[in-house]
N, C-alpha and C. Protein backbone atom coordinates (compact mmCIF):
# COMPACT_ATOMS: atom_id res chain seq x y z
N UNK A 1 89.26 -86.68 -10.78
CA UNK A 1 89.19 -86.91 -12.20
C UNK A 1 87.84 -86.43 -12.70
N UNK A 2 87.79 -85.61 -13.68
CA UNK A 2 86.51 -85.11 -14.16
C UNK A 2 85.64 -86.21 -14.75
N UNK A 3 84.59 -86.53 -14.06
CA UNK A 3 83.63 -87.46 -14.62
C UNK A 3 82.26 -86.83 -14.60
N UNK A 4 81.96 -86.15 -13.55
CA UNK A 4 80.65 -85.57 -13.40
C UNK A 4 80.56 -84.17 -13.97
N UNK A 5 80.68 -83.21 -13.09
CA UNK A 5 80.49 -81.83 -13.49
C UNK A 5 81.20 -80.91 -12.50
N UNK A 6 81.25 -79.61 -12.78
CA UNK A 6 81.95 -78.70 -11.87
C UNK A 6 81.37 -78.63 -10.46
N UNK A 7 80.04 -78.76 -10.33
CA UNK A 7 79.45 -78.67 -8.99
C UNK A 7 79.60 -79.97 -8.20
N UNK A 8 79.88 -81.08 -8.91
CA UNK A 8 80.11 -82.35 -8.23
C UNK A 8 78.87 -83.18 -7.97
N UNK A 9 77.72 -82.73 -8.42
CA UNK A 9 76.48 -83.45 -8.11
C UNK A 9 75.83 -84.10 -9.33
N UNK A 10 76.56 -84.28 -10.42
CA UNK A 10 75.97 -84.80 -11.66
C UNK A 10 75.20 -86.10 -11.45
N UNK A 11 75.77 -87.06 -10.75
CA UNK A 11 75.08 -88.35 -10.58
C UNK A 11 74.67 -88.59 -9.13
N UNK A 12 74.67 -87.56 -8.32
CA UNK A 12 74.32 -87.71 -6.91
C UNK A 12 72.79 -87.80 -6.77
N UNK A 13 72.30 -88.88 -6.16
CA UNK A 13 70.85 -89.04 -6.04
C UNK A 13 70.20 -88.09 -5.02
N UNK A 14 71.00 -87.46 -4.15
CA UNK A 14 70.43 -86.60 -3.11
C UNK A 14 70.60 -85.11 -3.36
N UNK A 15 71.40 -84.76 -4.35
CA UNK A 15 71.65 -83.34 -4.64
C UNK A 15 71.39 -83.09 -6.12
N UNK A 16 70.82 -81.97 -6.41
CA UNK A 16 70.54 -81.62 -7.80
C UNK A 16 71.75 -80.93 -8.43
N UNK A 17 72.13 -81.40 -9.61
CA UNK A 17 73.21 -80.78 -10.36
C UNK A 17 72.70 -79.45 -10.91
N UNK A 18 73.51 -78.41 -10.79
CA UNK A 18 73.10 -77.09 -11.27
C UNK A 18 73.87 -76.66 -12.52
N UNK A 19 74.57 -77.62 -13.14
CA UNK A 19 75.39 -77.32 -14.31
C UNK A 19 74.61 -77.53 -15.60
N UNK A 20 74.93 -76.72 -16.58
CA UNK A 20 74.34 -76.89 -17.90
C UNK A 20 75.12 -77.91 -18.72
N UNK A 21 74.53 -78.35 -19.81
CA UNK A 21 75.16 -79.35 -20.67
C UNK A 21 76.53 -78.88 -21.16
N UNK A 22 76.65 -77.62 -21.57
CA UNK A 22 77.94 -77.10 -22.05
C UNK A 22 78.99 -77.17 -20.94
N UNK A 23 78.61 -76.80 -19.70
CA UNK A 23 79.56 -76.84 -18.58
C UNK A 23 80.04 -78.27 -18.31
N UNK A 24 79.11 -79.21 -18.39
CA UNK A 24 79.46 -80.61 -18.14
C UNK A 24 80.41 -81.12 -19.22
N UNK A 25 80.08 -80.83 -20.48
CA UNK A 25 80.94 -81.27 -21.58
C UNK A 25 82.33 -80.66 -21.47
N UNK A 26 82.39 -79.38 -21.14
CA UNK A 26 83.69 -78.70 -21.00
C UNK A 26 84.49 -79.29 -19.85
N UNK A 27 83.82 -79.56 -18.74
CA UNK A 27 84.47 -80.15 -17.57
C UNK A 27 85.04 -81.53 -17.91
N UNK A 28 84.25 -82.34 -18.58
CA UNK A 28 84.67 -83.70 -18.92
C UNK A 28 85.77 -83.71 -19.98
N UNK A 29 85.85 -82.69 -20.78
CA UNK A 29 86.86 -82.67 -21.84
C UNK A 29 88.26 -82.41 -21.29
N UNK A 30 88.38 -82.13 -20.01
CA UNK A 30 89.69 -81.87 -19.42
C UNK A 30 90.58 -83.10 -19.43
N UNK A 31 89.97 -84.27 -19.48
CA UNK A 31 90.76 -85.49 -19.62
C UNK A 31 90.39 -86.11 -20.95
N UNK A 32 91.38 -86.32 -21.78
CA UNK A 32 91.13 -86.83 -23.13
C UNK A 32 90.78 -88.31 -23.11
N UNK A 33 90.09 -88.73 -24.16
CA UNK A 33 89.74 -90.14 -24.32
C UNK A 33 90.96 -91.05 -24.32
N UNK A 34 92.02 -90.70 -25.07
CA UNK A 34 93.21 -91.55 -25.05
C UNK A 34 93.83 -91.70 -23.67
N UNK A 35 93.76 -90.67 -22.85
CA UNK A 35 94.29 -90.79 -21.49
C UNK A 35 93.40 -91.73 -20.67
N UNK A 36 92.08 -91.56 -20.77
CA UNK A 36 91.16 -92.43 -20.05
C UNK A 36 91.32 -93.89 -20.46
N UNK A 37 91.62 -94.11 -21.74
CA UNK A 37 91.83 -95.47 -22.24
C UNK A 37 92.98 -96.16 -21.52
N UNK A 38 93.92 -95.40 -21.01
CA UNK A 38 95.10 -95.97 -20.37
C UNK A 38 94.88 -96.28 -18.89
N UNK A 39 93.71 -95.98 -18.40
CA UNK A 39 93.36 -96.30 -17.01
C UNK A 39 92.53 -97.57 -17.04
N UNK A 40 92.99 -98.60 -16.34
CA UNK A 40 92.33 -99.90 -16.40
C UNK A 40 90.92 -99.90 -15.83
N UNK A 41 90.77 -99.35 -14.65
CA UNK A 41 89.49 -99.44 -13.96
C UNK A 41 89.02 -98.04 -13.59
N UNK A 42 87.76 -97.73 -13.94
CA UNK A 42 87.15 -96.48 -13.49
C UNK A 42 85.86 -96.85 -12.78
N UNK A 43 85.69 -96.36 -11.60
CA UNK A 43 84.44 -96.59 -10.88
C UNK A 43 84.00 -95.31 -10.20
N UNK A 44 82.70 -95.15 -10.14
CA UNK A 44 82.14 -94.03 -9.39
C UNK A 44 81.95 -94.49 -7.96
N UNK A 45 82.32 -93.67 -7.02
CA UNK A 45 82.15 -94.01 -5.62
C UNK A 45 81.20 -92.98 -5.01
N UNK A 46 79.93 -93.37 -4.85
CA UNK A 46 78.96 -92.42 -4.30
C UNK A 46 79.20 -92.19 -2.81
N UNK A 47 78.63 -91.10 -2.32
CA UNK A 47 78.72 -90.82 -0.89
C UNK A 47 78.02 -91.93 -0.11
N UNK A 48 78.58 -92.28 1.03
CA UNK A 48 78.00 -93.32 1.88
C UNK A 48 77.13 -92.65 2.93
N UNK A 49 75.86 -93.05 3.04
CA UNK A 49 74.99 -92.47 4.06
C UNK A 49 75.53 -92.73 5.47
N UNK A 50 75.29 -91.80 6.37
CA UNK A 50 75.79 -91.90 7.74
C UNK A 50 75.38 -93.20 8.42
N UNK A 51 74.11 -93.60 8.24
CA UNK A 51 73.64 -94.81 8.92
C UNK A 51 74.41 -96.05 8.44
N UNK A 52 74.86 -96.04 7.18
CA UNK A 52 75.67 -97.15 6.68
C UNK A 52 77.08 -97.12 7.26
N UNK A 53 77.60 -95.92 7.48
CA UNK A 53 78.93 -95.80 8.09
C UNK A 53 78.92 -96.34 9.51
N UNK A 54 77.85 -96.10 10.22
CA UNK A 54 77.75 -96.49 11.62
C UNK A 54 77.17 -97.89 11.81
N UNK A 55 76.64 -98.47 10.74
CA UNK A 55 76.02 -99.79 10.84
C UNK A 55 77.03 -100.89 10.99
N UNK A 56 76.54 -102.03 11.29
CA UNK A 56 77.38 -103.20 11.49
C UNK A 56 77.12 -104.21 10.36
N UNK A 57 77.37 -103.78 9.14
CA UNK A 57 77.17 -104.65 7.99
C UNK A 57 78.30 -105.66 7.95
N UNK A 58 77.95 -106.92 7.85
CA UNK A 58 78.96 -107.97 7.81
C UNK A 58 79.60 -107.99 6.43
N UNK A 59 80.91 -107.87 6.40
CA UNK A 59 81.65 -107.83 5.14
C UNK A 59 82.69 -108.96 5.15
N UNK A 60 83.21 -109.26 3.98
CA UNK A 60 84.26 -110.27 3.88
C UNK A 60 85.50 -109.77 4.62
N UNK A 61 86.05 -110.59 5.49
CA UNK A 61 87.24 -110.16 6.24
C UNK A 61 88.43 -109.87 5.32
N UNK A 62 89.21 -108.89 5.68
CA UNK A 62 90.39 -108.51 4.89
C UNK A 62 91.35 -109.68 4.70
N UNK A 63 91.50 -110.52 5.72
CA UNK A 63 92.40 -111.67 5.61
C UNK A 63 91.94 -112.62 4.51
N UNK A 64 90.63 -112.79 4.36
CA UNK A 64 90.10 -113.65 3.30
C UNK A 64 90.36 -113.04 1.92
N UNK A 65 90.17 -111.74 1.84
CA UNK A 65 90.42 -111.04 0.56
C UNK A 65 91.90 -111.15 0.20
N UNK A 66 92.76 -110.94 1.18
CA UNK A 66 94.20 -111.04 0.96
C UNK A 66 94.57 -112.43 0.45
N UNK A 67 93.96 -113.45 1.02
CA UNK A 67 94.24 -114.83 0.60
C UNK A 67 93.77 -115.07 -0.84
N UNK A 68 92.60 -114.55 -1.18
CA UNK A 68 92.07 -114.69 -2.54
C UNK A 68 92.96 -113.97 -3.56
N UNK A 69 93.42 -112.78 -3.21
CA UNK A 69 94.31 -112.01 -4.10
C UNK A 69 95.64 -112.74 -4.26
N UNK A 70 96.19 -113.26 -3.18
CA UNK A 70 97.45 -114.01 -3.26
C UNK A 70 97.28 -115.25 -4.15
N UNK A 71 96.15 -115.91 -4.04
CA UNK A 71 95.88 -117.08 -4.89
C UNK A 71 95.79 -116.69 -6.36
N UNK A 72 95.11 -115.58 -6.64
CA UNK A 72 94.99 -115.12 -8.03
C UNK A 72 96.35 -114.72 -8.58
N UNK A 73 97.17 -114.07 -7.77
CA UNK A 73 98.52 -113.69 -8.23
C UNK A 73 99.38 -114.92 -8.50
N UNK A 74 99.22 -115.96 -7.68
CA UNK A 74 99.96 -117.20 -7.90
C UNK A 74 99.53 -117.85 -9.22
N UNK A 75 98.24 -117.85 -9.49
CA UNK A 75 97.73 -118.40 -10.75
C UNK A 75 98.31 -117.63 -11.92
N UNK A 76 98.33 -116.30 -11.82
CA UNK A 76 98.87 -115.46 -12.89
C UNK A 76 100.36 -115.73 -13.09
N UNK A 77 101.10 -115.82 -12.01
CA UNK A 77 102.54 -116.10 -12.12
C UNK A 77 102.79 -117.45 -12.79
N UNK A 78 101.98 -118.44 -12.42
CA UNK A 78 102.12 -119.76 -13.04
C UNK A 78 101.78 -119.74 -14.51
N UNK A 79 100.71 -119.05 -14.86
CA UNK A 79 100.27 -118.96 -16.25
C UNK A 79 101.32 -118.25 -17.11
N UNK A 80 101.95 -117.24 -16.55
CA UNK A 80 102.86 -116.38 -17.31
C UNK A 80 104.33 -116.71 -17.09
N UNK A 81 104.63 -117.85 -16.47
CA UNK A 81 106.01 -118.16 -16.08
C UNK A 81 106.98 -118.24 -17.25
N UNK A 82 106.50 -118.54 -18.44
CA UNK A 82 107.38 -118.63 -19.61
C UNK A 82 107.46 -117.31 -20.38
N UNK A 83 106.94 -116.27 -19.79
CA UNK A 83 106.98 -114.95 -20.43
C UNK A 83 107.84 -114.02 -19.60
N UNK A 84 107.97 -112.80 -20.05
CA UNK A 84 108.74 -111.81 -19.30
C UNK A 84 107.85 -110.95 -18.40
N UNK A 85 106.59 -111.34 -18.29
CA UNK A 85 105.66 -110.58 -17.46
C UNK A 85 105.20 -111.45 -16.29
N UNK A 86 104.59 -110.80 -15.30
CA UNK A 86 104.24 -111.52 -14.08
C UNK A 86 102.77 -111.44 -13.69
N UNK A 87 102.02 -110.54 -14.32
CA UNK A 87 100.61 -110.41 -13.94
C UNK A 87 99.77 -109.97 -15.14
N UNK A 88 98.47 -110.12 -15.00
CA UNK A 88 97.55 -109.80 -16.10
C UNK A 88 97.66 -108.36 -16.57
N UNK A 89 97.90 -107.45 -15.67
CA UNK A 89 97.97 -106.03 -16.04
C UNK A 89 99.08 -105.76 -17.05
N UNK A 90 100.11 -106.60 -17.07
CA UNK A 90 101.25 -106.39 -17.95
C UNK A 90 101.06 -107.03 -19.34
N UNK A 91 99.97 -107.74 -19.53
CA UNK A 91 99.78 -108.44 -20.81
C UNK A 91 99.63 -107.48 -21.97
N UNK A 92 100.28 -107.83 -23.08
CA UNK A 92 100.12 -107.12 -24.34
C UNK A 92 99.13 -107.87 -25.21
N UNK A 93 98.94 -107.40 -26.42
CA UNK A 93 97.97 -108.00 -27.34
C UNK A 93 98.19 -109.50 -27.56
N UNK A 94 99.42 -109.90 -27.73
CA UNK A 94 99.73 -111.31 -27.97
C UNK A 94 99.33 -112.17 -26.77
N UNK A 95 99.64 -111.69 -25.57
CA UNK A 95 99.27 -112.43 -24.35
C UNK A 95 97.76 -112.47 -24.18
N UNK A 96 97.10 -111.37 -24.48
CA UNK A 96 95.65 -111.31 -24.36
C UNK A 96 95.00 -112.35 -25.27
N UNK A 97 95.48 -112.45 -26.50
CA UNK A 97 94.93 -113.46 -27.43
C UNK A 97 95.14 -114.87 -26.88
N UNK A 98 96.26 -115.10 -26.23
CA UNK A 98 96.58 -116.43 -25.72
C UNK A 98 95.83 -116.76 -24.43
N UNK A 99 95.79 -115.83 -23.50
CA UNK A 99 95.29 -116.13 -22.15
C UNK A 99 93.90 -115.59 -21.83
N UNK A 100 93.31 -114.86 -22.74
CA UNK A 100 91.99 -114.28 -22.48
C UNK A 100 90.95 -114.74 -23.49
N UNK A 101 91.01 -116.00 -23.87
CA UNK A 101 90.03 -116.55 -24.80
C UNK A 101 88.65 -116.52 -24.14
N UNK A 102 87.63 -116.17 -24.93
CA UNK A 102 86.27 -116.12 -24.40
C UNK A 102 85.33 -116.92 -25.29
N UNK A 103 84.24 -117.39 -24.69
CA UNK A 103 83.25 -118.16 -25.44
C UNK A 103 82.35 -117.23 -26.24
N UNK A 104 81.44 -117.82 -27.02
CA UNK A 104 80.59 -117.04 -27.92
C UNK A 104 79.68 -116.08 -27.16
N UNK A 105 79.11 -116.51 -26.02
CA UNK A 105 78.23 -115.63 -25.24
C UNK A 105 79.01 -114.41 -24.74
N UNK A 106 80.23 -114.63 -24.27
CA UNK A 106 81.07 -113.53 -23.80
C UNK A 106 81.45 -112.61 -24.94
N UNK A 107 81.74 -113.21 -26.08
CA UNK A 107 82.12 -112.45 -27.27
C UNK A 107 80.97 -111.54 -27.71
N UNK A 108 79.76 -112.07 -27.71
CA UNK A 108 78.58 -111.28 -28.10
C UNK A 108 78.35 -110.12 -27.13
N UNK A 109 78.50 -110.41 -25.84
CA UNK A 109 78.32 -109.37 -24.83
C UNK A 109 79.35 -108.26 -25.01
N UNK A 110 80.58 -108.64 -25.23
CA UNK A 110 81.65 -107.65 -25.41
C UNK A 110 81.46 -106.86 -26.70
N UNK A 111 81.03 -107.53 -27.74
CA UNK A 111 80.77 -106.84 -29.01
C UNK A 111 79.67 -105.79 -28.84
N UNK A 112 78.62 -106.14 -28.13
CA UNK A 112 77.53 -105.19 -27.88
C UNK A 112 78.04 -103.99 -27.09
N UNK A 113 78.85 -104.24 -26.07
CA UNK A 113 79.39 -103.15 -25.26
C UNK A 113 80.28 -102.23 -26.09
N UNK A 114 81.14 -102.82 -26.92
CA UNK A 114 82.03 -102.03 -27.76
C UNK A 114 81.22 -101.15 -28.71
N UNK A 115 80.20 -101.74 -29.33
CA UNK A 115 79.37 -100.99 -30.28
C UNK A 115 78.56 -99.90 -29.60
N UNK A 116 77.90 -100.21 -28.49
CA UNK A 116 77.02 -99.24 -27.83
C UNK A 116 77.79 -98.13 -27.13
N UNK A 117 78.95 -98.46 -26.58
CA UNK A 117 79.72 -97.47 -25.84
C UNK A 117 80.79 -96.80 -26.70
N UNK A 118 80.99 -97.31 -27.90
CA UNK A 118 82.02 -96.74 -28.78
C UNK A 118 83.40 -96.92 -28.19
N UNK A 119 83.67 -98.10 -27.63
CA UNK A 119 84.95 -98.34 -26.98
C UNK A 119 86.09 -98.48 -27.99
N UNK A 120 87.25 -98.08 -27.59
CA UNK A 120 88.44 -98.19 -28.42
C UNK A 120 89.02 -99.60 -28.30
N UNK A 121 89.97 -99.91 -29.17
CA UNK A 121 90.67 -101.20 -29.09
C UNK A 121 91.41 -101.31 -27.75
N UNK A 122 91.93 -100.20 -27.28
CA UNK A 122 92.64 -100.21 -25.99
C UNK A 122 91.67 -100.54 -24.85
N UNK A 123 90.48 -99.96 -24.86
CA UNK A 123 89.48 -100.25 -23.83
C UNK A 123 89.04 -101.71 -23.91
N UNK A 124 88.87 -102.21 -25.13
CA UNK A 124 88.51 -103.62 -25.35
C UNK A 124 89.55 -104.54 -24.69
N UNK A 125 90.83 -104.27 -24.92
CA UNK A 125 91.89 -105.07 -24.32
C UNK A 125 91.89 -104.96 -22.80
N UNK A 126 91.65 -103.77 -22.30
CA UNK A 126 91.61 -103.58 -20.85
C UNK A 126 90.48 -104.40 -20.23
N UNK A 127 89.33 -104.41 -20.88
CA UNK A 127 88.20 -105.20 -20.38
C UNK A 127 88.57 -106.68 -20.33
N UNK A 128 89.23 -107.18 -21.36
CA UNK A 128 89.64 -108.59 -21.35
C UNK A 128 90.63 -108.89 -20.23
N UNK A 129 91.58 -107.99 -20.00
CA UNK A 129 92.55 -108.22 -18.92
C UNK A 129 91.86 -108.17 -17.55
N UNK A 130 90.94 -107.25 -17.38
CA UNK A 130 90.22 -107.16 -16.12
C UNK A 130 89.35 -108.40 -15.92
N UNK A 131 88.69 -108.85 -16.98
CA UNK A 131 87.87 -110.06 -16.90
C UNK A 131 88.73 -111.27 -16.53
N UNK A 132 89.94 -111.34 -17.09
CA UNK A 132 90.86 -112.44 -16.76
C UNK A 132 91.18 -112.40 -15.27
N UNK A 133 91.41 -111.22 -14.73
CA UNK A 133 91.71 -111.08 -13.30
C UNK A 133 90.50 -111.43 -12.45
N UNK A 134 89.32 -111.00 -12.85
CA UNK A 134 88.10 -111.35 -12.12
C UNK A 134 87.92 -112.86 -12.10
N UNK A 135 88.15 -113.52 -13.24
CA UNK A 135 88.06 -114.98 -13.29
C UNK A 135 89.10 -115.61 -12.37
N UNK A 136 90.32 -115.07 -12.35
CA UNK A 136 91.35 -115.60 -11.46
C UNK A 136 90.95 -115.46 -10.00
N UNK A 137 90.37 -114.33 -9.64
CA UNK A 137 89.92 -114.12 -8.25
C UNK A 137 88.80 -115.08 -7.87
N UNK A 138 88.03 -115.49 -8.87
CA UNK A 138 86.93 -116.44 -8.63
C UNK A 138 87.40 -117.89 -8.80
N UNK A 139 88.70 -118.08 -8.99
CA UNK A 139 89.28 -119.41 -9.21
C UNK A 139 88.62 -120.12 -10.39
N UNK A 140 88.38 -119.36 -11.45
CA UNK A 140 87.75 -119.89 -12.65
C UNK A 140 88.76 -119.87 -13.78
N UNK A 141 88.99 -121.01 -14.41
CA UNK A 141 89.91 -121.04 -15.54
C UNK A 141 89.34 -120.30 -16.73
N UNK A 142 88.11 -120.65 -17.17
CA UNK A 142 87.58 -119.89 -18.31
C UNK A 142 87.04 -118.53 -17.88
N UNK A 143 87.14 -117.58 -18.77
CA UNK A 143 86.50 -116.28 -18.57
C UNK A 143 85.06 -116.46 -19.04
N UNK A 144 84.10 -116.12 -18.19
CA UNK A 144 82.69 -116.28 -18.52
C UNK A 144 82.06 -114.94 -18.86
N UNK A 145 80.83 -114.99 -19.36
CA UNK A 145 80.09 -113.76 -19.66
C UNK A 145 79.91 -112.93 -18.39
N UNK A 146 79.77 -113.59 -17.25
CA UNK A 146 79.64 -112.88 -15.98
C UNK A 146 80.91 -112.06 -15.69
N UNK A 147 82.06 -112.62 -15.96
CA UNK A 147 83.33 -111.90 -15.74
C UNK A 147 83.45 -110.72 -16.70
N UNK A 148 83.06 -110.93 -17.95
CA UNK A 148 83.08 -109.85 -18.95
C UNK A 148 82.14 -108.73 -18.52
N UNK A 149 80.94 -109.11 -18.08
CA UNK A 149 79.96 -108.13 -17.65
C UNK A 149 80.48 -107.28 -16.49
N UNK A 150 81.10 -107.93 -15.51
CA UNK A 150 81.65 -107.19 -14.38
C UNK A 150 82.78 -106.26 -14.84
N UNK A 151 83.62 -106.74 -15.73
CA UNK A 151 84.73 -105.92 -16.23
C UNK A 151 84.22 -104.69 -16.96
N UNK A 152 83.15 -104.85 -17.73
CA UNK A 152 82.56 -103.71 -18.44
C UNK A 152 82.08 -102.66 -17.43
N UNK A 153 81.54 -103.12 -16.31
CA UNK A 153 81.06 -102.20 -15.28
C UNK A 153 82.18 -101.34 -14.70
N UNK A 154 83.40 -101.83 -14.78
CA UNK A 154 84.56 -101.07 -14.28
C UNK A 154 85.07 -100.05 -15.28
N UNK A 155 84.31 -99.82 -16.33
CA UNK A 155 84.67 -98.79 -17.31
C UNK A 155 83.61 -97.69 -17.27
N UNK A 156 83.30 -97.18 -16.08
CA UNK A 156 82.22 -96.21 -15.90
C UNK A 156 82.44 -94.91 -16.68
N UNK A 157 83.67 -94.51 -16.88
CA UNK A 157 83.90 -93.27 -17.62
C UNK A 157 83.59 -93.44 -19.09
N UNK A 158 83.72 -94.67 -19.59
CA UNK A 158 83.31 -94.94 -20.97
C UNK A 158 81.79 -94.90 -21.09
N UNK A 159 81.09 -95.35 -20.05
CA UNK A 159 79.63 -95.38 -20.06
C UNK A 159 79.04 -94.00 -19.85
N UNK A 160 79.80 -93.08 -19.26
CA UNK A 160 79.26 -91.78 -18.89
C UNK A 160 79.32 -90.72 -19.96
N UNK A 161 79.47 -91.13 -21.21
CA UNK A 161 79.55 -90.13 -22.28
C UNK A 161 78.23 -89.43 -22.45
N UNK A 162 78.30 -88.14 -22.71
CA UNK A 162 77.07 -87.35 -22.91
C UNK A 162 76.76 -87.30 -24.38
């Protein structure tokens, strides 16, 4: 997905990008804003250094992650049992208003992000749905500013505008 540039080194800390501004803009224009709006999560995945690949970094076991995801899905199914949908990703505007209520601190944070990044209404709704899922994974009933902040971070293509 075009996010960086034709040479592939736009945001690489170890390689210098050799593309000009016009080339980068042209490359990024290959995917339209409305199409990007329809993608829930965008993240940049930088190259992993060899020593990290070979290291023995302790990570959360897959079985624990699977259990947390199953718990979050059960919470979503319970929350949405009286609707025709089964998970947060399927929520429409009406469901978002009902199940993604946020406090004033979260609202201010989201308002700042929308204004600074020029986010669309569709991106705004996606952030709320992602924040709801993050809260579910954390076994948190309310969506907090921390959940909103993390959800905003998953919109890297919105942040990468030139």
